[in-house]
Amino acid sequence: MKYNDKLGMVFQGCCFKCLYQLIWRSFYTIDYVMAYDEYLADRIRQNFKEKSIVVEEKKMMGGLCFMVDDKMCCGLLSNKDSGEPILMARIGIENYERALKKEHCSEMNFTGRSMKGFVFVSSDGLDLEDDLKYWIQLCLDFNPSAKSSKKKAKKK
């Protein structure tokens, strides 16, 4: 029986309580992968808090984006193949080549074309607190010179 068949059976004369229980149980029986690692997100939040940086969080690109001064600073995603968490770091072109030489760092490539000034850092490169602080600081150092995206004008 397929998942949709179960729901169809429930809708055929079953009460709301039964429907709720079926849906609730399905979240625990279906392999569900979050778009980002909540533990790593908490570590990043703590890092910003220690530095007294005001951060806005936005869910975008299938992950979580941390905005500083209305500009994307860094983000969290999951590797499509392995499900492993990835830090997307906006570090600027000046630090780009140097960063790529570091272990566990790779060029950011969403569309088959690398984006200069952005890198991916795998979870192995973020295990130690000092490593995470290093990458967050690189992002914060670049943030003042980063361009913010153009806001869409609201229609009247």
N, C-alpha and C. Protein backbone atom coordinates (compact mmCIF):
# COMPACT_ATOMS: atom_id res chain seq x y z
N MET A 1 0.85 -1.19 0.00
CA MET A 1 0.00 0.00 0.00
C MET A 1 0.89 1.25 0.00
N LYS A 2 0.61 2.16 -0.85
CA LYS A 2 1.37 3.40 -0.94
C LYS A 2 0.92 4.38 0.13
N TYR A 3 1.75 5.37 0.39
CA TYR A 3 1.43 6.40 1.39
C TYR A 3 0.12 7.12 1.06
N ASN A 4 -0.08 7.45 -0.21
CA ASN A 4 -1.30 8.15 -0.61
C ASN A 4 -2.54 7.28 -0.40
N ASP A 5 -2.38 5.95 -0.58
CA ASP A 5 -3.50 5.04 -0.36
C ASP A 5 -3.92 5.07 1.11
N LYS A 6 -2.97 5.17 2.01
CA LYS A 6 -3.29 5.25 3.44
C LYS A 6 -4.12 6.49 3.73
N LEU A 7 -3.71 7.61 3.17
CA LEU A 7 -4.47 8.84 3.39
C LEU A 7 -5.87 8.74 2.80
N GLY A 8 -5.97 8.12 1.61
CA GLY A 8 -7.27 7.95 0.98
C GLY A 8 -8.20 7.13 1.85
N MET A 9 -7.68 6.08 2.48
CA MET A 9 -8.48 5.25 3.37
C MET A 9 -8.96 6.05 4.57
N VAL A 10 -8.10 6.93 5.08
CA VAL A 10 -8.45 7.72 6.25
C VAL A 10 -9.57 8.68 5.92
N PHE A 11 -9.51 9.29 4.75
CA PHE A 11 -10.53 10.26 4.38
C PHE A 11 -11.89 9.61 4.14
N GLN A 12 -11.91 8.32 3.94
CA GLN A 12 -13.18 7.63 3.68
C GLN A 12 -13.85 7.25 5.00
N GLY A 13 -14.32 8.23 5.74
CA GLY A 13 -15.14 7.97 6.91
C GLY A 13 -14.40 7.91 8.23
N CYS A 14 -13.13 8.27 8.28
CA CYS A 14 -12.39 8.23 9.54
C CYS A 14 -12.42 9.61 10.20
N CYS A 15 -12.32 9.63 11.50
CA CYS A 15 -12.40 10.90 12.23
C CYS A 15 -11.09 11.68 12.14
N PHE A 16 -11.15 12.93 12.52
CA PHE A 16 -9.99 13.82 12.49
C PHE A 16 -8.86 13.29 13.37
N LYS A 17 -9.20 12.73 14.52
CA LYS A 17 -8.19 12.21 15.44
C LYS A 17 -7.36 11.11 14.77
N CYS A 18 -8.02 10.23 14.05
CA CYS A 18 -7.31 9.15 13.35
C CYS A 18 -6.40 9.71 12.27
N LEU A 19 -6.90 10.71 11.54
CA LEU A 19 -6.10 11.34 10.49
C LEU A 19 -4.85 11.98 11.10
N TYR A 20 -5.02 12.68 12.20
CA TYR A 20 -3.92 13.34 12.88
C TYR A 20 -2.87 12.30 13.31
N GLN A 21 -3.32 11.18 13.89
CA GLN A 21 -2.40 10.14 14.33
C GLN A 21 -1.65 9.53 13.16
N LEU A 22 -2.33 9.31 12.04
CA LEU A 22 -1.68 8.72 10.87
C LEU A 22 -0.60 9.65 10.35
N ILE A 23 -0.92 10.93 10.23
CA ILE A 23 0.06 11.89 9.73
C ILE A 23 1.23 12.01 10.71
N TRP A 24 0.92 12.06 12.00
CA TRP A 24 1.97 12.17 13.02
C TRP A 24 2.91 10.98 12.96
N ARG A 25 2.35 9.76 12.85
CA ARG A 25 3.18 8.56 12.78
C ARG A 25 4.01 8.52 11.51
N SER A 26 3.47 9.04 10.42
CA SER A 26 4.18 8.97 9.15
C SER A 26 5.49 9.75 9.18
N PHE A 27 5.56 10.79 10.00
CA PHE A 27 6.81 11.54 10.09
C PHE A 27 7.91 10.71 10.73
N TYR A 28 7.55 9.73 11.51
CA TYR A 28 8.55 8.89 12.16
C TYR A 28 8.85 7.63 11.38
N THR A 29 8.03 7.28 10.38
CA THR A 29 8.28 6.08 9.59
C THR A 29 8.90 6.41 8.24
N ILE A 30 8.75 7.62 7.78
CA ILE A 30 9.33 8.04 6.51
C ILE A 30 10.70 8.65 6.80
N ASP A 31 11.69 8.32 5.96
CA ASP A 31 13.01 8.93 6.13
C ASP A 31 12.90 10.40 5.80
N TYR A 32 13.05 11.24 6.80
CA TYR A 32 12.90 12.68 6.63
C TYR A 32 14.23 13.33 6.92
N VAL A 33 14.74 14.10 5.96
CA VAL A 33 16.02 14.78 6.13
C VAL A 33 15.76 16.28 6.18
N MET A 34 16.24 16.93 7.25
CA MET A 34 16.10 18.38 7.34
C MET A 34 16.98 19.04 6.28
N ALA A 35 16.63 20.22 5.90
CA ALA A 35 17.40 20.94 4.89
C ALA A 35 18.73 21.45 5.45
N TYR A 36 18.83 21.54 6.76
CA TYR A 36 20.09 21.96 7.39
C TYR A 36 20.19 21.33 8.78
N ASP A 37 21.40 21.35 9.33
CA ASP A 37 21.68 20.75 10.63
C ASP A 37 21.37 21.77 11.73
N GLU A 38 20.38 21.49 12.55
CA GLU A 38 19.95 22.43 13.59
C GLU A 38 21.04 22.62 14.65
N TYR A 39 21.80 21.59 14.94
CA TYR A 39 22.88 21.71 15.92
C TYR A 39 23.95 22.69 15.43
N LEU A 40 24.33 22.58 14.15
CA LEU A 40 25.31 23.50 13.58
C LEU A 40 24.73 24.91 13.52
N ALA A 41 23.45 25.03 13.23
CA ALA A 41 22.80 26.35 13.22
C ALA A 41 22.88 26.98 14.61
N ASP A 42 22.67 26.19 15.66
CA ASP A 42 22.78 26.71 17.03
C ASP A 42 24.20 27.15 17.35
N ARG A 43 25.18 26.40 16.86
CA ARG A 43 26.58 26.80 17.09
C ARG A 43 26.89 28.13 16.40
N ILE A 44 26.36 28.32 15.20
CA ILE A 44 26.57 29.57 14.48
C ILE A 44 25.87 30.72 15.19
N ARG A 45 24.64 30.49 15.63
CA ARG A 45 23.91 31.51 16.39
C ARG A 45 24.70 31.93 17.63
N GLN A 46 25.24 30.95 18.34
CA GLN A 46 26.02 31.23 19.54
C GLN A 46 27.26 32.05 19.20
N ASN A 47 27.89 31.74 18.08
CA ASN A 47 29.08 32.46 17.64
C ASN A 47 28.75 33.93 17.39
N PHE A 48 27.65 34.19 16.71
CA PHE A 48 27.22 35.57 16.46
C PHE A 48 26.87 36.27 17.78
N LYS A 49 26.23 35.55 18.67
CA LYS A 49 25.82 36.12 19.95
C LYS A 49 27.04 36.52 20.78
N GLU A 50 28.07 35.68 20.79
CA GLU A 50 29.31 35.99 21.53
C GLU A 50 29.97 37.25 21.01
N LYS A 51 29.80 37.52 19.71
CA LYS A 51 30.40 38.71 19.10
C LYS A 51 29.45 39.90 19.13
N SER A 52 28.28 39.73 19.74
CA SER A 52 27.24 40.76 19.82
C SER A 52 26.83 41.27 18.45
N ILE A 53 26.71 40.35 17.49
CA ILE A 53 26.30 40.68 16.13
C ILE A 53 24.80 40.40 15.99
N VAL A 54 24.07 41.37 15.48
CA VAL A 54 22.64 41.19 15.24
C VAL A 54 22.47 40.45 13.91
N VAL A 55 21.77 39.32 13.96
CA VAL A 55 21.62 38.47 12.78
C VAL A 55 20.14 38.23 12.51
N GLU A 56 19.81 38.25 11.25
CA GLU A 56 18.46 37.87 10.83
C GLU A 56 18.59 36.54 10.10
N GLU A 57 17.71 35.61 10.39
CA GLU A 57 17.74 34.30 9.74
C GLU A 57 16.62 34.23 8.71
N LYS A 58 16.96 33.68 7.55
CA LYS A 58 15.96 33.49 6.49
C LYS A 58 16.12 32.09 5.93
N LYS A 59 15.01 31.41 5.78
CA LYS A 59 15.04 30.11 5.14
C LYS A 59 14.98 30.34 3.65
N MET A 60 16.02 29.90 2.96
CA MET A 60 16.09 30.07 1.51
C MET A 60 17.04 29.05 0.91
N MET A 61 16.88 28.79 -0.36
CA MET A 61 17.72 27.84 -1.10
C MET A 61 17.74 26.47 -0.44
N GLY A 62 16.65 26.08 0.18
CA GLY A 62 16.59 24.78 0.82
C GLY A 62 17.38 24.69 2.11
N GLY A 63 17.81 25.82 2.64
CA GLY A 63 18.58 25.82 3.87
C GLY A 63 18.27 27.03 4.72
N LEU A 64 19.25 27.43 5.50
CA LEU A 64 19.09 28.58 6.40
C LEU A 64 20.18 29.59 6.09
N CYS A 65 19.79 30.84 5.94
CA CYS A 65 20.72 31.90 5.60
C CYS A 65 20.81 32.88 6.77
N PHE A 66 22.03 33.28 7.12
CA PHE A 66 22.25 34.25 8.19
C PHE A 66 22.59 35.59 7.55
N MET A 67 21.75 36.59 7.82
CA MET A 67 21.90 37.91 7.24
C MET A 67 22.44 38.88 8.29
N VAL A 68 23.46 39.64 7.92
CA VAL A 68 24.03 40.68 8.79
C VAL A 68 23.95 41.98 8.01
N ASP A 69 23.34 43.00 8.59
CA ASP A 69 23.14 44.29 7.93
C ASP A 69 22.41 44.14 6.59
N ASP A 70 21.39 43.29 6.57
CA ASP A 70 20.59 43.02 5.37
C ASP A 70 21.39 42.43 4.22
N LYS A 71 22.52 41.79 4.52
CA LYS A 71 23.34 41.15 3.50
C LYS A 71 23.62 39.71 3.94
N MET A 72 23.62 38.80 2.96
CA MET A 72 23.90 37.42 3.29
C MET A 72 25.33 37.28 3.79
N CYS A 73 25.47 36.71 4.98
CA CYS A 73 26.79 36.51 5.56
C CYS A 73 27.25 35.07 5.34
N CYS A 74 26.41 34.11 5.74
CA CYS A 74 26.71 32.70 5.54
C CYS A 74 25.41 31.93 5.55
N GLY A 75 25.49 30.65 5.26
CA GLY A 75 24.28 29.84 5.23
C GLY A 75 24.58 28.38 5.51
N LEU A 76 23.54 27.63 5.75
CA LEU A 76 23.65 26.19 6.00
C LEU A 76 22.80 25.43 5.00
N LEU A 77 23.37 24.37 4.47
CA LEU A 77 22.67 23.48 3.56
C LEU A 77 23.01 22.05 3.94
N SER A 78 22.40 21.11 3.25
CA SER A 78 22.79 19.71 3.38
C SER A 78 23.23 19.21 2.02
N ASN A 79 24.26 18.39 2.02
CA ASN A 79 24.74 17.77 0.80
C ASN A 79 23.63 16.87 0.25
N LYS A 80 23.29 17.03 -1.02
CA LYS A 80 22.21 16.26 -1.62
C LYS A 80 22.48 14.76 -1.58
N ASP A 81 23.73 14.38 -1.76
CA ASP A 81 24.07 12.96 -1.84
C ASP A 81 24.21 12.31 -0.46
N SER A 82 24.97 12.96 0.43
CA SER A 82 25.28 12.34 1.72
C SER A 82 24.39 12.84 2.86
N GLY A 83 23.74 13.98 2.68
CA GLY A 83 22.94 14.55 3.76
C GLY A 83 23.79 15.27 4.80
N GLU A 84 25.09 15.33 4.56
CA GLU A 84 26.02 15.97 5.50
C GLU A 84 25.85 17.48 5.46
N PRO A 85 25.92 18.14 6.63
CA PRO A 85 25.77 19.61 6.64
C PRO A 85 26.94 20.32 5.96
N ILE A 86 26.62 21.43 5.31
CA ILE A 86 27.62 22.23 4.61
C ILE A 86 27.41 23.70 5.01
N LEU A 87 28.52 24.37 5.30
CA LEU A 87 28.48 25.81 5.53
C LEU A 87 28.74 26.50 4.19
N MET A 88 27.87 27.41 3.82
CA MET A 88 28.09 28.24 2.65
C MET A 88 28.63 29.56 3.17
N ALA A 89 29.86 29.87 2.85
CA ALA A 89 30.52 31.05 3.39
C ALA A 89 30.73 32.10 2.30
N ARG A 90 30.29 33.31 2.57
CA ARG A 90 30.50 34.44 1.65
C ARG A 90 31.73 35.19 2.16
N ILE A 91 32.86 34.92 1.52
CA ILE A 91 34.14 35.42 2.05
C ILE A 91 34.80 36.46 1.16
N GLY A 92 34.27 36.68 -0.03
CA GLY A 92 34.84 37.68 -0.93
C GLY A 92 35.95 37.12 -1.81
N ILE A 93 36.21 37.82 -2.87
CA ILE A 93 37.20 37.36 -3.86
C ILE A 93 38.62 37.40 -3.29
N GLU A 94 38.90 38.36 -2.39
CA GLU A 94 40.25 38.50 -1.83
C GLU A 94 40.68 37.25 -1.06
N ASN A 95 39.75 36.62 -0.36
CA ASN A 95 40.07 35.44 0.46
C ASN A 95 39.77 34.13 -0.25
N TYR A 96 39.21 34.20 -1.43
CA TYR A 96 38.70 33.02 -2.13
C TYR A 96 39.78 31.97 -2.42
N GLU A 97 40.85 32.37 -3.09
CA GLU A 97 41.90 31.42 -3.48
C GLU A 97 42.59 30.81 -2.26
N ARG A 98 42.85 31.64 -1.25
CA ARG A 98 43.49 31.15 -0.03
C ARG A 98 42.60 30.14 0.69
N ALA A 99 41.31 30.41 0.71
CA ALA A 99 40.36 29.53 1.39
C ALA A 99 40.27 28.17 0.69
N LEU A 100 40.31 28.18 -0.64
CA LEU A 100 40.20 26.92 -1.38
C LEU A 100 41.37 25.98 -1.11
N LYS A 101 42.48 26.52 -0.64
CA LYS A 101 43.64 25.67 -0.31
C LYS A 101 43.47 24.96 1.03
N LYS A 102 42.51 25.40 1.81
CA LYS A 102 42.26 24.77 3.11
C LYS A 102 41.52 23.45 2.93
N GLU A 103 41.81 22.53 3.85
CA GLU A 103 41.16 21.24 3.82
C GLU A 103 39.66 21.40 4.10
N HIS A 104 38.84 20.59 3.46
CA HIS A 104 37.39 20.55 3.64
C HIS A 104 36.67 21.76 3.03
N CYS A 105 37.36 22.53 2.22
CA CYS A 105 36.76 23.70 1.57
C CYS A 105 36.72 23.46 0.07
N SER A 106 35.61 23.83 -0.55
CA SER A 106 35.48 23.67 -2.00
C SER A 106 34.72 24.87 -2.57
N GLU A 107 34.83 25.03 -3.88
CA GLU A 107 34.14 26.15 -4.50
C GLU A 107 32.63 25.92 -4.47
N MET A 108 31.91 27.00 -4.31
CA MET A 108 30.45 26.91 -4.31
C MET A 108 29.98 26.78 -5.74
N ASN A 109 29.19 25.75 -5.98
CA ASN A 109 28.77 25.45 -7.33
C ASN A 109 27.32 24.99 -7.30
N PHE A 110 26.39 25.89 -7.54
CA PHE A 110 24.97 25.53 -7.56
C PHE A 110 24.50 25.14 -8.95
N THR A 111 24.96 25.85 -9.94
CA THR A 111 24.40 25.72 -11.28
C THR A 111 25.36 25.11 -12.28
N GLY A 112 26.45 24.51 -11.82
CA GLY A 112 27.45 23.99 -12.73
C GLY A 112 28.54 25.00 -12.99
N ARG A 113 28.40 26.18 -12.42
CA ARG A 113 29.39 27.24 -12.57
C ARG A 113 29.75 27.73 -11.18
N SER A 114 31.06 27.82 -10.90
CA SER A 114 31.46 28.24 -9.55
C SER A 114 31.19 29.72 -9.36
N MET A 115 30.87 30.08 -8.12
CA MET A 115 30.60 31.47 -7.78
C MET A 115 31.79 32.00 -6.98
N LYS A 116 32.53 32.91 -7.57
CA LYS A 116 33.70 33.49 -6.93
C LYS A 116 33.29 34.26 -5.68
N GLY A 117 34.05 34.10 -4.62
CA GLY A 117 33.76 34.80 -3.38
C GLY A 117 32.89 34.00 -2.41
N PHE A 118 32.38 32.86 -2.86
CA PHE A 118 31.58 31.97 -2.03
C PHE A 118 32.25 30.60 -1.99
N VAL A 119 32.28 29.96 -0.83
CA VAL A 119 32.83 28.61 -0.72
C VAL A 119 31.91 27.74 0.11
N PHE A 120 32.04 26.44 -0.08
CA PHE A 120 31.39 25.44 0.77
C PHE A 120 32.43 24.89 1.72
N VAL A 121 32.06 24.71 2.97
CA VAL A 121 32.92 24.08 3.96
C VAL A 121 32.16 22.88 4.50
N SER A 122 32.75 21.68 4.35
CA SER A 122 32.08 20.47 4.80
C SER A 122 32.07 20.40 6.33
N SER A 123 31.25 19.54 6.86
CA SER A 123 31.11 19.43 8.32
C SER A 123 32.42 19.02 9.00
N ASP A 124 33.27 18.27 8.30
CA ASP A 124 34.58 17.89 8.87
C ASP A 124 35.44 19.12 9.13
N GLY A 125 35.25 20.15 8.36
CA GLY A 125 36.01 21.39 8.54
C GLY A 125 35.41 22.32 9.58
N LEU A 126 34.33 21.87 10.22
CA LEU A 126 33.64 22.70 11.21
C LEU A 126 33.52 22.01 12.57
N ASP A 127 34.14 20.85 12.70
CA ASP A 127 34.03 20.08 13.95
C ASP A 127 34.55 20.84 15.16
N LEU A 128 35.71 21.46 15.00
CA LEU A 128 36.29 22.20 16.11
C LEU A 128 35.69 23.60 16.18
N GLU A 129 35.51 24.10 17.38
CA GLU A 129 34.92 25.43 17.56
C GLU A 129 35.80 26.51 16.93
N ASP A 130 37.11 26.35 17.02
CA ASP A 130 38.03 27.33 16.42
C ASP A 130 37.88 27.37 14.90
N ASP A 131 37.63 26.21 14.28
CA ASP A 131 37.44 26.18 12.83
C ASP A 131 36.17 26.92 12.44
N LEU A 132 35.09 26.69 13.17
CA LEU A 132 33.84 27.39 12.89
C LEU A 132 34.01 28.90 13.07
N LYS A 133 34.68 29.29 14.14
CA LYS A 133 34.92 30.73 14.40
C LYS A 133 35.74 31.35 13.27
N TYR A 134 36.72 30.61 12.76
CA TYR A 134 37.55 31.11 11.66
C TYR A 134 36.68 31.45 10.45
N TRP A 135 35.80 30.52 10.05
CA TRP A 135 34.98 30.73 8.86
C TRP A 135 33.95 31.84 9.07
N ILE A 136 33.36 31.88 10.25
CA ILE A 136 32.38 32.94 10.54
C ILE A 136 33.08 34.31 10.52
N GLN A 137 34.28 34.37 11.07
CA GLN A 137 35.02 35.65 11.07
C GLN A 137 35.37 36.09 9.66
N LEU A 138 35.75 35.15 8.79
CA LEU A 138 36.02 35.50 7.38
C LEU A 138 34.76 36.11 6.74
N CYS A 139 33.62 35.51 7.02
CA CYS A 139 32.36 36.04 6.48
C CYS A 139 32.07 37.43 7.03
N LEU A 140 32.28 37.61 8.32
CA LEU A 140 32.02 38.91 8.94
C LEU A 140 32.99 39.98 8.45
N ASP A 141 34.24 39.60 8.19
CA ASP A 141 35.23 40.55 7.68
C ASP A 141 34.84 41.06 6.29
N PHE A 142 34.24 40.19 5.49
CA PHE A 142 33.85 40.59 4.15
C PHE A 142 32.52 41.35 4.14
N ASN A 143 31.67 41.10 5.10
CA ASN A 143 30.31 41.64 5.10
C ASN A 143 30.20 43.15 4.87
N PRO A 144 31.04 43.99 5.50
CA PRO A 144 30.88 45.44 5.26
C PRO A 144 31.07 45.85 3.80
N SER A 145 31.90 45.13 3.05
CA SER A 145 32.13 45.49 1.66
C SER A 145 31.21 44.73 0.69
N ALA A 146 30.43 43.80 1.20
CA ALA A 146 29.51 43.03 0.36
C ALA A 146 28.35 43.90 -0.09
N LYS A 147 27.86 43.63 -1.28
CA LYS A 147 26.71 44.36 -1.79
C LYS A 147 25.44 43.64 -1.35
N SER A 148 24.45 44.41 -0.93
CA SER A 148 23.18 43.79 -0.55
C SER A 148 22.34 43.62 -1.80
N SER A 149 21.44 42.64 -1.75
CA SER A 149 20.58 42.42 -2.90
C SER A 149 19.56 43.54 -2.98
N LYS A 150 19.13 43.81 -4.19
CA LYS A 150 18.15 44.87 -4.38
C LYS A 150 16.80 44.40 -3.87
N LYS A 151 16.16 45.22 -3.06
CA LYS A 151 14.85 44.88 -2.53
C LYS A 151 13.80 45.23 -3.58
N LYS A 152 12.83 44.35 -3.70
CA LYS A 152 11.75 44.58 -4.66
C LYS A 152 10.86 45.71 -4.15
N ALA A 153 10.50 46.58 -5.03
CA ALA A 153 9.61 47.69 -4.66
C ALA A 153 8.21 47.15 -4.42
N LYS A 154 7.61 47.62 -3.36
CA LYS A 154 6.24 47.18 -3.02
C LYS A 154 5.26 47.93 -3.91
N LYS A 155 4.28 47.18 -4.39
CA LYS A 155 3.24 47.80 -5.23
C LYS A 155 2.25 48.51 -4.36
N LYS A 156 1.81 49.66 -4.83
CA LYS A 156 0.84 50.46 -4.07
C LYS A 156 -0.56 50.02 -4.32
